[in-house]
Amino acid sequence: MKKVAKDTNKEMKHFLGVLNEMHGENLKGIREGFIIVNKKLDSHTEMIGSLVENVSVLKSDMIIVKEDLSVIKSDLKRKVDYDDFLSLVKRVQKIEAKL
């Protein structure tokens, strides 16, 4: 009976050793995967940071463009269409001819 217990104990130690080794290898693979994922996340963080900087530059450029467009719009409101101007010239000439 003691021999059977010793054999069972020996088999159990062997089995647990194999399980421990498999578990260690799996954890090693997971650890390596996390290292790769962390490197990718770091590179993506850097890319996002540069994109945010570019967006802030573009935002300030767009503010300048909007201001310039508002100036152009107000200047265009003050100008008269050429066809309207010609019709006014003809009307003034007719009025002057009658006087």
C-alpha atoms as a PDB file:
ATOM      1  CA  MET A   1       0.000   0.000   0.000  1.00  0.00           C
ATOM      2  CA  LYS A   2       2.857   2.404   0.742  1.00  0.00           C
ATOM      3  CA  LYS A   3       4.401   1.671  -2.654  1.00  0.00           C
ATOM      4  CA  VAL A   4       1.151   2.579  -4.404  1.00  0.00           C
ATOM      5  CA  ALA A   5       0.997   5.855  -2.444  1.00  0.00           C
ATOM      6  CA  LYS A   6       4.633   6.611  -3.316  1.00  0.00           C
ATOM      7  CA  ASP A   7       3.974   5.923  -7.017  1.00  0.00           C
ATOM      8  CA  THR A   8       0.855   8.065  -6.940  1.00  0.00           C
ATOM      9  CA  ASN A   9       2.738  10.840  -5.139  1.00  0.00           C
ATOM     10  CA  LYS A  10       5.576  10.631  -7.673  1.00  0.00           C
ATOM     11  CA  GLU A  11       3.115  10.743 -10.609  1.00  0.00           C
ATOM     12  CA  MET A  12       1.325  13.692  -9.014  1.00  0.00           C
ATOM     13  CA  LYS A  13       4.599  15.613  -8.630  1.00  0.00           C
ATOM     14  CA  HIS A  14       5.488  14.849 -12.242  1.00  0.00           C
ATOM     15  CA  PHE A  15       2.027  15.915 -13.443  1.00  0.00           C
ATOM     16  CA  LEU A  16       2.122  19.132 -11.407  1.00  0.00           C
ATOM     17  CA  GLY A  17       5.619  19.882 -12.696  1.00  0.00           C
ATOM     18  CA  VAL A  18       4.418  19.510 -16.284  1.00  0.00           C
ATOM     19  CA  LEU A  19       1.419  21.740 -15.569  1.00  0.00           C
ATOM     20  CA  ASN A  20       3.679  24.324 -13.944  1.00  0.00           C
ATOM     21  CA  GLU A  21       5.989  24.312 -16.961  1.00  0.00           C
ATOM     22  CA  MET A  22       3.078  24.676 -19.407  1.00  0.00           C
ATOM     23  CA  HIS A  23       1.611  27.462 -17.314  1.00  0.00           C
ATOM     24  CA  GLY A  24       4.990  29.254 -17.228  1.00  0.00           C
ATOM     25  CA  GLU A  25       5.331  29.010 -21.030  1.00  0.00           C
ATOM     26  CA  ASN A  26       1.805  30.361 -21.509  1.00  0.00           C
ATOM     27  CA  LEU A  27       2.528  33.284 -19.202  1.00  0.00           C
ATOM     28  CA  LYS A  28       5.767  33.936 -21.080  1.00  0.00           C
ATOM     29  CA  GLY A  29       3.817  34.098 -24.366  1.00  0.00           C
ATOM     30  CA  ILE A  30       1.262  36.434 -22.846  1.00  0.00           C
ATOM     31  CA  ARG A  31       4.041  38.648 -21.466  1.00  0.00           C
ATOM     32  CA  GLU A  32       5.691  38.842 -24.901  1.00  0.00           C
ATOM     33  CA  GLY A  33       2.324  39.723 -26.453  1.00  0.00           C
ATOM     34  CA  PHE A  34       1.859  42.535 -23.947  1.00  0.00           C
ATOM     35  CA  ILE A  35       5.296  43.916 -24.766  1.00  0.00           C
ATOM     36  CA  ILE A  36       4.363  44.099 -28.460  1.00  0.00           C
ATOM     37  CA  VAL A  37       0.987  45.661 -27.691  1.00  0.00           C
ATOM     38  CA  ASN A  38       2.609  48.234 -25.384  1.00  0.00           C
ATOM     39  CA  LYS A  39       5.092  49.205 -28.109  1.00  0.00           C
ATOM     40  CA  LYS A  40       2.235  49.661 -30.580  1.00  0.00           C
ATOM     41  CA  LEU A  41       0.278  51.726 -28.069  1.00  0.00           C
ATOM     42  CA  ASP A  42       3.311  53.923 -27.463  1.00  0.00           C
ATOM     43  CA  SER A  43       3.753  54.514 -31.200  1.00  0.00           C
ATOM     44  CA  HIS A  44       0.038  55.260 -31.586  1.00  0.00           C
ATOM     45  CA  THR A  45       0.224  57.693 -28.675  1.00  0.00           C
ATOM     46  CA  GLU A  46       3.083  59.515 -30.398  1.00  0.00           C
ATOM     47  CA  MET A  47       1.140  59.640 -33.675  1.00  0.00           C
ATOM     48  CA  ILE A  48      -1.961  60.962 -31.930  1.00  0.00           C
ATOM     49  CA  GLY A  49       0.146  63.618 -30.211  1.00  0.00           C
ATOM     50  CA  SER A  50       1.536  64.818 -33.530  1.00  0.00           C
ATOM     51  CA  LEU A  51      -1.945  64.797 -35.069  1.00  0.00           C
ATOM     52  CA  VAL A  52      -3.294  66.888 -32.195  1.00  0.00           C
ATOM     53  CA  GLU A  53      -0.494  69.402 -32.786  1.00  0.00           C
ATOM     54  CA  ASN A  54      -1.347  69.504 -36.502  1.00  0.00           C
ATOM     55  CA  VAL A  55      -5.034  70.014 -35.732  1.00  0.00           C
ATOM     56  CA  SER A  56      -4.260  72.906 -33.399  1.00  0.00           C
ATOM     57  CA  VAL A  57      -2.137  74.537 -36.120  1.00  0.00           C
ATOM     58  CA  LEU A  58      -4.899  74.012 -38.671  1.00  0.00           C
ATOM     59  CA  LYS A  59      -7.445  75.401 -36.224  1.00  0.00           C
ATOM     60  CA  SER A  60      -5.471  78.610 -35.819  1.00  0.00           C
ATOM     61  CA  ASP A  61      -5.040  78.814 -39.615  1.00  0.00           C
ATOM     62  CA  MET A  62      -8.787  78.382 -40.087  1.00  0.00           C
ATOM     63  CA  ILE A  63      -9.454  81.246 -37.671  1.00  0.00           C
ATOM     64  CA  ILE A  64      -7.246  83.472 -39.838  1.00  0.00           C
ATOM     65  CA  VAL A  65      -9.028  82.276 -42.997  1.00  0.00           C
ATOM     66  CA  LYS A  66     -12.441  83.002 -41.446  1.00  0.00           C
ATOM     67  CA  GLU A  67     -11.356  86.508 -40.501  1.00  0.00           C
ATOM     68  CA  ASP A  68     -10.029  87.119 -44.022  1.00  0.00           C
ATOM     69  CA  LEU A  69     -13.267  85.816 -45.534  1.00  0.00           C
ATOM     70  CA  SER A  70     -15.338  88.131 -43.379  1.00  0.00           C
ATOM     71  CA  VAL A  71     -13.223  91.080 -44.594  1.00  0.00           C
ATOM     72  CA  ILE A  72     -13.622  89.986 -48.222  1.00  0.00           C
ATOM     73  CA  LYS A  73     -17.362  89.526 -47.722  1.00  0.00           C
ATOM     74  CA  SER A  74     -17.790  93.013 -46.314  1.00  0.00           C
ATOM     75  CA  ASP A  75     -15.699  94.453 -49.175  1.00  0.00           C
ATOM     76  CA  LEU A  76     -17.830  92.638 -51.733  1.00  0.00           C
ATOM     77  CA  LYS A  77     -21.027  94.001 -50.191  1.00  0.00           C
ATOM     78  CA  ARG A  78     -19.791  97.515 -50.845  1.00  0.00           C
ATOM     79  CA  LYS A  79     -19.140  96.843 -54.528  1.00  0.00           C
ATOM     80  CA  VAL A  80     -21.822  97.092 -57.189  1.00  0.00           C
ATOM     81  CA  ASP A  81     -22.418  94.536 -59.905  1.00  0.00           C
ATOM     82  CA  TYR A  82     -21.145  95.768 -63.303  1.00  0.00           C
ATOM     83  CA  ASP A  83     -24.493  95.187 -65.053  1.00  0.00           C
ATOM     84  CA  ASP A  84     -26.292  97.183 -62.360  1.00  0.00           C
ATOM     85  CA  PHE A  85     -23.736  99.941 -62.770  1.00  0.00           C
ATOM     86  CA  LEU A  86     -24.263 100.068 -66.568  1.00  0.00           C
ATOM     87  CA  SER A  87     -28.021 100.270 -66.178  1.00  0.00           C
ATOM     88  CA  LEU A  88     -27.611 103.155 -63.706  1.00  0.00           C
ATOM     89  CA  VAL A  89     -25.275 104.943 -66.129  1.00  0.00           C
ATOM     90  CA  LYS A  90     -27.884 104.639 -68.902  1.00  0.00           C
ATOM     91  CA  ARG A  91     -30.627 105.942 -66.630  1.00  0.00           C
ATOM     92  CA  VAL A  92     -28.520 108.926 -65.553  1.00  0.00           C
ATOM     93  CA  GLN A  93     -27.668 109.665 -69.195  1.00  0.00           C
ATOM     94  CA  LYS A  94     -31.385 109.649 -70.112  1.00  0.00           C
ATOM     95  CA  ILE A  95     -32.210 111.962 -67.224  1.00  0.00           C
ATOM     96  CA  GLU A  96     -29.360 114.307 -68.176  1.00  0.00           C
ATOM     97  CA  ALA A  97     -30.544 114.303 -71.794  1.00  0.00           C
ATOM     98  CA  LYS A  98     -34.003 115.412 -70.709  1.00  0.00           C
ATOM     99  CA  LEU A  99     -32.622 118.288 -68.678  1.00  0.00           C
END
